[in-house]
Amino acid sequence: MRFPIYTFDLTPKRRFKRIANVLRRHWPIANDISHMTAQEILARGLGYRDFHDVSQSSKNCSPDAPVPTLPEVRDNVSTSIFQFLKSSNAAGIDDSDIEGLVMLLPLHELLAFHSFRQGQTADIGKKHSHGSKVKKKKKSAGAARGVI
């Protein structure tokens, strides 16, 4: 299942790109990966062919798109990392290394996990006519864990 990614998630230094950067920085083997490679791995883990597919799909992402649970997303990202490591013939990495890496990723920050996304994704970051910036609703600790 594709995880809904919105254009807001793809803005510089935001959600998707930040998660890819965390993936790159904490890569579990000596051979570093580029930020673009990290984005490709993350894109596949979220159900897309590649980062270009994520970018194109985000333009038409429906606010009502079904959202998998956080554990399901983590499992898919783990699988994507495992497949990348296998295809690059990386040795010495076990499941606990991959699981630890995935737990570091701030996947919960993606907009689809936020309860306010319904009907409000178009307003995030826009200014009202009186010039004040639209603020995101605060989420409770329970809402942040609601998908776990």
Protein backbone atom coordinates (compact mmCIF):
# COMPACT_ATOMS: atom_id res chain seq x y z
CA MET A 1 0.00 0.00 0.00
CA ARG A 2 1.24 3.46 -0.85
CA PHE A 3 1.70 5.81 2.04
CA PRO A 4 0.18 9.21 1.19
CA ILE A 5 2.89 11.83 0.70
CA TYR A 6 1.79 15.44 0.29
CA THR A 7 3.72 18.26 -1.37
CA PHE A 8 4.21 19.81 2.09
CA ASP A 9 6.17 16.69 3.09
CA LEU A 10 8.62 17.32 0.24
CA THR A 11 9.55 20.93 0.95
CA PRO A 12 13.24 21.47 1.76
CA LYS A 13 14.28 20.54 5.30
CA ARG A 14 10.83 19.09 5.97
CA ARG A 15 9.45 15.67 6.72
CA PHE A 16 10.35 13.35 3.80
CA LYS A 17 13.73 14.92 3.09
CA ARG A 18 14.52 15.16 6.79
CA ILE A 19 13.71 11.47 7.26
CA ALA A 20 15.95 10.59 4.30
CA ASN A 21 18.73 12.67 5.85
CA VAL A 22 18.40 10.79 9.17
CA LEU A 23 18.55 7.52 7.20
CA ARG A 24 21.73 8.67 5.44
CA ARG A 25 23.43 9.90 8.62
CA HIS A 26 22.73 6.70 10.56
CA TRP A 27 23.44 4.28 7.71
CA PRO A 28 24.63 1.08 9.43
CA ILE A 29 27.60 0.18 7.23
CA ALA A 30 30.88 1.89 6.41
CA ASN A 31 29.85 2.61 2.81
CA ASP A 32 27.94 5.87 3.03
CA ILE A 33 24.92 6.52 0.86
CA SER A 34 23.97 9.77 -0.82
CA HIS A 35 20.93 11.78 0.17
CA MET A 36 19.32 10.84 -3.15
CA THR A 37 19.91 7.13 -2.49
CA ALA A 38 18.35 7.54 0.95
CA GLN A 39 15.33 9.19 -0.68
CA GLU A 40 15.03 6.32 -3.16
CA ILE A 41 15.17 3.71 -0.36
CA LEU A 42 12.57 5.65 1.64
CA ALA A 43 10.35 6.08 -1.44
CA ARG A 44 10.35 2.32 -2.09
CA GLY A 45 9.60 1.67 1.58
CA LEU A 46 6.57 3.93 1.32
CA GLY A 47 5.23 2.07 -1.71
CA TYR A 48 6.58 4.14 -4.61
CA ARG A 49 8.86 3.18 -7.53
CA ASP A 50 11.35 5.95 -6.78
CA PHE A 51 11.62 9.53 -5.53
CA HIS A 52 10.31 10.90 -8.83
CA ASP A 53 7.16 8.80 -8.37
CA VAL A 54 6.75 10.26 -4.85
CA SER A 55 7.20 13.78 -6.18
CA GLN A 56 4.65 13.33 -8.97
CA SER A 57 2.12 11.49 -6.79
CA SER A 58 2.28 14.13 -4.06
CA LYS A 59 0.72 16.67 -6.41
CA ASN A 60 -2.48 14.61 -6.59
CA CYS A 61 -2.55 13.05 -3.13
CA SER A 62 -6.07 12.99 -1.72
CA PRO A 63 -6.65 14.12 1.86
CA ASP A 64 -8.85 11.03 2.21
CA ALA A 65 -6.15 8.57 1.13
CA PRO A 66 -5.96 5.54 3.43
CA VAL A 67 -3.06 5.64 5.86
CA PRO A 68 -1.27 2.47 6.97
CA THR A 69 -0.25 2.22 10.60
CA LEU A 70 3.17 3.36 11.78
CA PRO A 71 4.30 -0.25 12.44
CA GLU A 72 3.28 -1.19 8.88
CA VAL A 73 5.23 1.74 7.47
CA ARG A 74 8.28 0.84 9.57
CA ASP A 75 8.07 -2.75 8.37
CA ASN A 76 7.93 -1.65 4.72
CA VAL A 77 10.87 0.75 5.17
CA SER A 78 12.84 -2.05 6.87
CA THR A 79 12.14 -4.30 3.89
CA SER A 80 13.29 -1.59 1.49
CA ILE A 81 16.55 -1.13 3.42
CA PHE A 82 17.10 -4.89 3.52
CA GLN A 83 16.51 -5.19 -0.23
CA PHE A 84 18.92 -2.34 -0.94
CA LEU A 85 21.60 -3.88 1.27
CA LYS A 86 21.07 -7.28 -0.36
CA SER A 87 21.33 -5.82 -3.87
CA SER A 88 24.54 -4.00 -2.95
CA ASN A 89 26.04 -7.19 -1.42
CA ALA A 90 26.48 -5.61 2.01
CA ALA A 91 27.63 -8.06 4.65
CA GLY A 92 27.54 -8.03 8.43
CA ILE A 93 24.17 -6.32 8.85
CA ASP A 94 21.52 -8.13 10.82
CA ASP A 95 17.84 -7.49 11.40
CA SER A 96 18.46 -5.70 14.70
CA ASP A 97 20.70 -3.14 12.96
CA ILE A 98 18.00 -2.41 10.41
CA GLU A 99 15.28 -2.32 13.07
CA GLY A 100 17.33 0.11 15.16
CA LEU A 101 17.86 2.35 12.15
CA VAL A 102 14.17 2.39 11.24
CA MET A 103 13.21 3.24 14.84
CA LEU A 104 15.42 6.36 14.57
CA LEU A 105 13.52 7.62 11.54
CA PRO A 106 10.93 10.29 12.41
CA LEU A 107 8.28 8.70 10.19
CA HIS A 108 5.55 9.93 12.55
CA GLU A 109 6.24 13.47 11.29
CA LEU A 110 4.75 12.77 7.86
CA LEU A 111 1.61 14.81 7.32
CA ALA A 112 -0.64 11.78 6.77
CA PHE A 113 -0.10 10.77 10.41
CA HIS A 114 -1.38 14.13 11.68
CA SER A 115 -5.03 14.29 12.63
CA PHE A 116 -5.46 17.79 11.18
CA ARG A 117 -4.70 16.72 7.59
CA GLN A 118 -8.37 16.27 6.70
CA GLY A 119 -9.36 19.38 4.76
CA GLN A 120 -6.47 21.47 6.00
CA THR A 121 -3.49 20.37 3.93
CA ALA A 122 -4.05 23.18 1.45
CA ASP A 123 -3.82 25.83 4.20
CA ILE A 124 -0.54 24.81 5.79
CA GLY A 125 2.05 27.49 5.31
CA LYS A 126 -0.29 29.87 3.47
CA LYS A 127 -1.06 33.31 4.80
CA HIS A 128 -4.51 34.64 5.55
CA SER A 129 -5.60 37.91 3.94
CA HIS A 130 -4.64 39.76 7.13
CA GLY A 131 -1.07 38.50 6.77
CA SER A 132 -0.80 36.08 9.68
CA LYS A 133 0.51 32.64 8.97
CA VAL A 134 -1.84 29.68 9.44
CA LYS A 135 -0.71 27.70 12.45
CA LYS A 136 -0.88 23.95 12.79
CA LYS A 137 -3.15 22.58 15.48
CA LYS A 138 -1.32 21.22 18.48
CA LYS A 139 -1.63 17.51 18.83
CA SER A 140 -1.93 15.72 22.09
CA ALA A 141 0.48 12.99 23.12
CA GLY A 142 -2.36 10.53 22.61
CA ALA A 143 -2.94 11.71 19.04
CA ALA A 144 0.76 11.35 18.28
CA ARG A 145 0.62 7.74 19.42
CA GLY A 146 -2.82 7.08 17.94
CA VAL A 147 -1.45 5.13 15.00
CA ILE A 148 0.79 2.84 17.03
